[in-house]
């Protein structure tokens, strides 16, 4: 038989447990990574990690979160899983943000791509082609040229978000 409410329950509980563990890991490691990126030792991670500064869409509170990034001229790309929540602040109109990259601060406007679309897939392709080590994090296979395998990207895309920051 198919999945019923009764036998689906352990799957839901396991997913919630994974999300809670992931949240705890981020909450524990983010301050450490933030301190590293602001220290004289930032060169260890500054090539692929940046600090994103933004305001909460509802609270107006300022947040800072370390994220993997790629940059093409004045476009910075950030990719994340739906299970994280920072990206929810970019729903709607593009939002003013700043990025700390290698201890330099850049202002820009952040736009969210949420939900499978060609724009999201193109941004994720560009992101992973520039930073292939992150493919494993999102369960995306790479081909021999270290480019995302389209079938793998198609499977992962509904669970991903892309934030593109156009620098001022």
C-alpha atoms as a PDB file:
ATOM      1  CA  UNK A   1       0.000   0.000   0.000  1.00  0.00           C
ATOM      2  CA  UNK A   2       0.828   3.675  -0.254  1.00  0.00           C
ATOM      3  CA  UNK A   3       1.903   5.993   2.483  1.00  0.00           C
ATOM      4  CA  UNK A   4      -0.722   6.611   5.103  1.00  0.00           C
ATOM      5  CA  UNK A   5      -0.846   9.176   7.853  1.00  0.00           C
ATOM      6  CA  UNK A   6       0.244   6.503  10.317  1.00  0.00           C
ATOM      7  CA  UNK A   7       3.320   5.221   8.459  1.00  0.00           C
ATOM      8  CA  UNK A   8       4.375   8.676   7.168  1.00  0.00           C
ATOM      9  CA  UNK A   9       4.769  10.050  10.697  1.00  0.00           C
ATOM     10  CA  UNK A  10       8.343   8.774  11.330  1.00  0.00           C
ATOM     11  CA  UNK A  11       9.473  10.418   8.068  1.00  0.00           C
ATOM     12  CA  UNK A  12       8.014  13.757   9.147  1.00  0.00           C
ATOM     13  CA  UNK A  13       9.570  13.451  12.615  1.00  0.00           C
ATOM     14  CA  UNK A  14      12.962  12.535  11.135  1.00  0.00           C
ATOM     15  CA  UNK A  15      12.845  15.544   8.789  1.00  0.00           C
ATOM     16  CA  UNK A  16      11.959  17.852  11.698  1.00  0.00           C
ATOM     17  CA  UNK A  17      14.829  16.405  13.740  1.00  0.00           C
ATOM     18  CA  UNK A  18      17.269  17.013  10.863  1.00  0.00           C
ATOM     19  CA  UNK A  19      16.031  20.598  10.458  1.00  0.00           C
ATOM     20  CA  UNK A  20      16.396  21.180  14.235  1.00  0.00           C
ATOM     21  CA  UNK A  21      19.932  19.757  14.244  1.00  0.00           C
ATOM     22  CA  UNK A  22      20.828  21.867  11.199  1.00  0.00           C
ATOM     23  CA  UNK A  23      19.455  24.981  12.941  1.00  0.00           C
ATOM     24  CA  UNK A  24      21.485  24.218  16.082  1.00  0.00           C
ATOM     25  CA  UNK A  25      24.674  23.715  14.037  1.00  0.00           C
ATOM     26  CA  UNK A  26      24.197  27.047  12.218  1.00  0.00           C
ATOM     27  CA  UNK A  27      23.382  28.857  15.461  1.00  0.00           C
ATOM     28  CA  UNK A  28      26.555  27.460  17.046  1.00  0.00           C
ATOM     29  CA  UNK A  29      28.955  27.880  14.113  1.00  0.00           C
ATOM     30  CA  UNK A  30      27.772  31.197  12.639  1.00  0.00           C
ATOM     31  CA  UNK A  31      29.320  33.350  15.412  1.00  0.00           C
ATOM     32  CA  UNK A  32      32.627  31.470  15.048  1.00  0.00           C
ATOM     33  CA  UNK A  33      32.666  31.904  11.258  1.00  0.00           C
ATOM     34  CA  UNK A  34      31.644  35.563  11.600  1.00  0.00           C
ATOM     35  CA  UNK A  35      34.545  36.197  13.988  1.00  0.00           C
ATOM     36  CA  UNK A  36      36.968  34.434  11.634  1.00  0.00           C
ATOM     37  CA  UNK A  37      35.805  36.498   8.632  1.00  0.00           C
ATOM     38  CA  UNK A  38      36.346  39.722  10.599  1.00  0.00           C
ATOM     39  CA  UNK A  39      39.764  38.716  11.919  1.00  0.00           C
ATOM     40  CA  UNK A  40      43.238  39.067  10.399  1.00  0.00           C
ATOM     41  CA  UNK A  41      42.933  35.334   9.573  1.00  0.00           C
ATOM     42  CA  UNK A  42      39.969  35.996   7.249  1.00  0.00           C
ATOM     43  CA  UNK A  43      42.004  34.890   4.212  1.00  0.00           C
ATOM     44  CA  UNK A  44      41.384  31.270   5.214  1.00  0.00           C
ATOM     45  CA  UNK A  45      37.723  31.622   4.222  1.00  0.00           C
ATOM     46  CA  UNK A  46      37.188  34.997   2.503  1.00  0.00           C
ATOM     47  CA  UNK A  47      37.503  33.550  -0.993  1.00  0.00           C
ATOM     48  CA  UNK A  48      34.174  31.758  -0.696  1.00  0.00           C
ATOM     49  CA  UNK A  49      32.450  33.030   2.467  1.00  0.00           C
ATOM     50  CA  UNK A  50      30.903  36.455   2.988  1.00  0.00           C
ATOM     51  CA  UNK A  51      28.849  38.107   5.707  1.00  0.00           C
ATOM     52  CA  UNK A  52      25.406  39.198   4.577  1.00  0.00           C
ATOM     53  CA  UNK A  53      23.898  42.127   6.535  1.00  0.00           C
ATOM     54  CA  UNK A  54      20.142  42.622   6.215  1.00  0.00           C
ATOM     55  CA  UNK A  55      17.085  43.778   8.121  1.00  0.00           C
ATOM     56  CA  UNK A  56      14.227  41.506   9.101  1.00  0.00           C
ATOM     57  CA  UNK A  57      11.277  42.068   6.787  1.00  0.00           C
ATOM     58  CA  UNK A  58       8.803  42.160   9.692  1.00  0.00           C
ATOM     59  CA  UNK A  59      10.937  42.968  12.746  1.00  0.00           C
ATOM     60  CA  UNK A  60      13.279  45.531  11.200  1.00  0.00           C
ATOM     61  CA  UNK A  61      16.031  43.945  13.310  1.00  0.00           C
ATOM     62  CA  UNK A  62      19.515  43.744  11.781  1.00  0.00           C
ATOM     63  CA  UNK A  63      20.915  40.289  11.055  1.00  0.00           C
ATOM     64  CA  UNK A  64      24.343  39.129   9.933  1.00  0.00           C
ATOM     65  CA  UNK A  65      24.867  35.647   8.544  1.00  0.00           C
ATOM     66  CA  UNK A  66      27.892  34.007   6.942  1.00  0.00           C
ATOM     67  CA  UNK A  67      27.165  32.418   3.564  1.00  0.00           C
ATOM     68  CA  UNK A  68      29.007  30.848   0.668  1.00  0.00           C
ATOM     69  CA  UNK A  69      29.057  33.260  -2.250  1.00  0.00           C
ATOM     70  CA  UNK A  70      30.182  33.623  -5.825  1.00  0.00           C
ATOM     71  CA  UNK A  71      30.748  36.864  -7.655  1.00  0.00           C
ATOM     72  CA  UNK A  72      30.587  37.820 -11.328  1.00  0.00           C
ATOM     73  CA  UNK A  73      31.439  41.513 -11.702  1.00  0.00           C
ATOM     74  CA  UNK A  74      28.700  43.330  -9.713  1.00  0.00           C
ATOM     75  CA  UNK A  75      26.482  40.272  -9.130  1.00  0.00           C
ATOM     76  CA  UNK A  76      26.936  38.206  -5.980  1.00  0.00           C
ATOM     77  CA  UNK A  77      25.051  34.904  -5.751  1.00  0.00           C
ATOM     78  CA  UNK A  78      23.988  33.132  -2.576  1.00  0.00           C
ATOM     79  CA  UNK A  79      22.323  29.711  -2.617  1.00  0.00           C
ATOM     80  CA  UNK A  80      20.572  28.046   0.275  1.00  0.00           C
ATOM     81  CA  UNK A  81      18.212  25.221   1.124  1.00  0.00           C
ATOM     82  CA  UNK A  82      14.576  25.893   1.966  1.00  0.00           C
ATOM     83  CA  UNK A  83      15.250  24.538   5.452  1.00  0.00           C
ATOM     84  CA  UNK A  84      17.165  27.706   6.332  1.00  0.00           C
ATOM     85  CA  UNK A  85      15.137  30.831   7.046  1.00  0.00           C
ATOM     86  CA  UNK A  86      17.356  33.896   6.426  1.00  0.00           C
ATOM     87  CA  UNK A  87      16.232  34.174   2.796  1.00  0.00           C
ATOM     88  CA  UNK A  88      12.585  34.695   3.734  1.00  0.00           C
ATOM     89  CA  UNK A  89      13.439  38.339   4.435  1.00  0.00           C
ATOM     90  CA  UNK A  90      13.882  38.914   0.694  1.00  0.00           C
ATOM     91  CA  UNK A  91      10.363  38.019  -0.425  1.00  0.00           C
ATOM     92  CA  UNK A  92       8.748  40.790  -2.415  1.00  0.00           C
ATOM     93  CA  UNK A  93      10.699  43.789  -3.687  1.00  0.00           C
ATOM     94  CA  UNK A  94      14.509  43.792  -3.831  1.00  0.00           C
ATOM     95  CA  UNK A  95      15.921  44.660  -0.403  1.00  0.00           C
ATOM     96  CA  UNK A  96      18.882  46.819   0.580  1.00  0.00           C
ATOM     97  CA  UNK A  97      21.733  44.725   2.007  1.00  0.00           C
ATOM     98  CA  UNK A  98      25.443  44.925   2.545  1.00  0.00           C
ATOM     99  CA  UNK A  99      28.054  42.230   2.122  1.00  0.00           C
ATOM    100  CA  UNK A 100      31.396  41.927   3.879  1.00  0.00           C
ATOM    101  CA  UNK A 101      33.798  40.223   1.491  1.00  0.00           C
ATOM    102  CA  UNK A 102      37.444  39.935   2.551  1.00  0.00           C
ATOM    103  CA  UNK A 103      36.853  42.655   5.178  1.00  0.00           C
ATOM    104  CA  UNK A 104      35.517  45.107   2.561  1.00  0.00           C
ATOM    105  CA  UNK A 105      31.867  46.226   2.750  1.00  0.00           C
ATOM    106  CA  UNK A 106      29.691  46.491  -0.366  1.00  0.00           C
ATOM    107  CA  UNK A 107      26.124  47.819  -0.532  1.00  0.00           C
ATOM    108  CA  UNK A 108      23.583  46.306  -2.890  1.00  0.00           C
ATOM    109  CA  UNK A 109      20.036  45.160  -3.570  1.00  0.00           C
ATOM    110  CA  UNK A 110      19.076  41.537  -2.936  1.00  0.00           C
ATOM    111  CA  UNK A 111      16.502  39.707  -5.036  1.00  0.00           C
ATOM    112  CA  UNK A 112      15.082  36.291  -4.139  1.00  0.00           C
ATOM    113  CA  UNK A 113      14.412  33.417  -6.548  1.00  0.00           C
ATOM    114  CA  UNK A 114      12.227  30.962  -4.626  1.00  0.00           C
ATOM    115  CA  UNK A 115      10.659  28.040  -6.428  1.00  0.00           C
ATOM    116  CA  UNK A 116      11.919  26.101  -9.408  1.00  0.00           C
ATOM    117  CA  UNK A 117      12.403  28.380 -12.405  1.00  0.00           C
ATOM    118  CA  UNK A 118      14.895  28.820 -15.217  1.00  0.00           C
ATOM    119  CA  UNK A 119      16.280  31.903 -13.414  1.00  0.00           C
ATOM    120  CA  UNK A 120      16.879  29.886 -10.242  1.00  0.00           C
ATOM    121  CA  UNK A 121      18.478  27.006 -12.158  1.00  0.00           C
ATOM    122  CA  UNK A 122      20.705  29.360 -14.156  1.00  0.00           C
ATOM    123  CA  UNK A 123      21.871  31.096 -10.968  1.00  0.00           C
ATOM    124  CA  UNK A 124      22.511  27.768  -9.225  1.00  0.00           C
ATOM    125  CA  UNK A 125      24.443  26.529 -12.305  1.00  0.00           C
ATOM    126  CA  UNK A 126      26.627  29.643 -12.215  1.00  0.00           C
ATOM    127  CA  UNK A 127      27.078  29.395  -8.435  1.00  0.00           C
ATOM    128  CA  UNK A 128      28.082  25.709  -8.490  1.00  0.00           C
ATOM    129  CA  UNK A 129      30.307  26.095 -11.549  1.00  0.00           C
ATOM    130  CA  UNK A 130      32.246  28.756  -9.618  1.00  0.00           C
ATOM    131  CA  UNK A 131      32.062  26.931  -6.248  1.00  0.00           C
ATOM    132  CA  UNK A 132      31.719  23.197  -7.014  1.00  0.00           C
ATOM    133  CA  UNK A 133      32.448  22.113  -3.428  1.00  0.00           C
ATOM    134  CA  UNK A 134      28.924  23.279  -2.454  1.00  0.00           C
ATOM    135  CA  UNK A 135      27.233  20.859  -4.886  1.00  0.00           C
ATOM    136  CA  UNK A 136      27.450  18.045  -2.338  1.00  0.00           C
ATOM    137  CA  UNK A 137      25.685  20.208   0.297  1.00  0.00           C
ATOM    138  CA  UNK A 138      22.630  20.429  -1.977  1.00  0.00           C
ATOM    139  CA  UNK A 139      22.796  16.870  -3.298  1.00  0.00           C
ATOM    140  CA  UNK A 140      23.664  17.982  -6.836  1.00  0.00           C
ATOM    141  CA  UNK A 141      25.947  15.787  -8.908  1.00  0.00           C
ATOM    142  CA  UNK A 142      28.640  17.327 -11.088  1.00  0.00           C
ATOM    143  CA  UNK A 143      29.834  16.080 -14.465  1.00  0.00           C
ATOM    144  CA  UNK A 144      33.479  15.519 -15.468  1.00  0.00           C
ATOM    145  CA  UNK A 145      33.837  19.277 -16.123  1.00  0.00           C
ATOM    146  CA  UNK A 146      32.542  20.062 -12.606  1.00  0.00           C
ATOM    147  CA  UNK A 147      29.260  21.457 -13.964  1.00  0.00           C
ATOM    148  CA  UNK A 148      25.881  20.490 -12.458  1.00  0.00           C
ATOM    149  CA  UNK A 149      24.230  17.426 -14.006  1.00  0.00           C
ATOM    150  CA  UNK A 150      20.866  18.712 -15.277  1.00  0.00           C
ATOM    151  CA  UNK A 151      18.783  15.796 -13.943  1.00  0.00           C
ATOM    152  CA  UNK A 152      20.359  16.240 -10.529  1.00  0.00           C
ATOM    153  CA  UNK A 153      19.780  20.007 -10.605  1.00  0.00           C
ATOM    154  CA  UNK A 154      16.148  19.477 -11.650  1.00  0.00           C
ATOM    155  CA  UNK A 155      15.597  17.181  -8.675  1.00  0.00           C
ATOM    156  CA  UNK A 156      17.198  19.592  -6.168  1.00  0.00           C
ATOM    157  CA  UNK A 157      15.859  22.901  -7.562  1.00  0.00           C
ATOM    158  CA  UNK A 158      12.454  22.848  -5.766  1.00  0.00           C
ATOM    159  CA  UNK A 159      14.306  22.657  -2.425  1.00  0.00           C
ATOM    160  CA  UNK A 160      16.672  25.569  -3.167  1.00  0.00           C
ATOM    161  CA  UNK A 161      16.583  29.339  -3.076  1.00  0.00           C
ATOM    162  CA  UNK A 162      18.835  31.790  -4.878  1.00  0.00           C
ATOM    163  CA  UNK A 163      19.532  35.327  -3.730  1.00  0.00           C
ATOM    164  CA  UNK A 164      21.261  37.590  -6.221  1.00  0.00           C
ATOM    165  CA  UNK A 165      22.768  40.796  -4.893  1.00  0.00           C
ATOM    166  CA  UNK A 166      23.417  43.553  -7.424  1.00  0.00           C
ATOM    167  CA  UNK A 167      26.178  45.683  -5.939  1.00  0.00           C
ATOM    168  CA  UNK A 168      25.777  49.471  -6.061  1.00  0.00           C
END
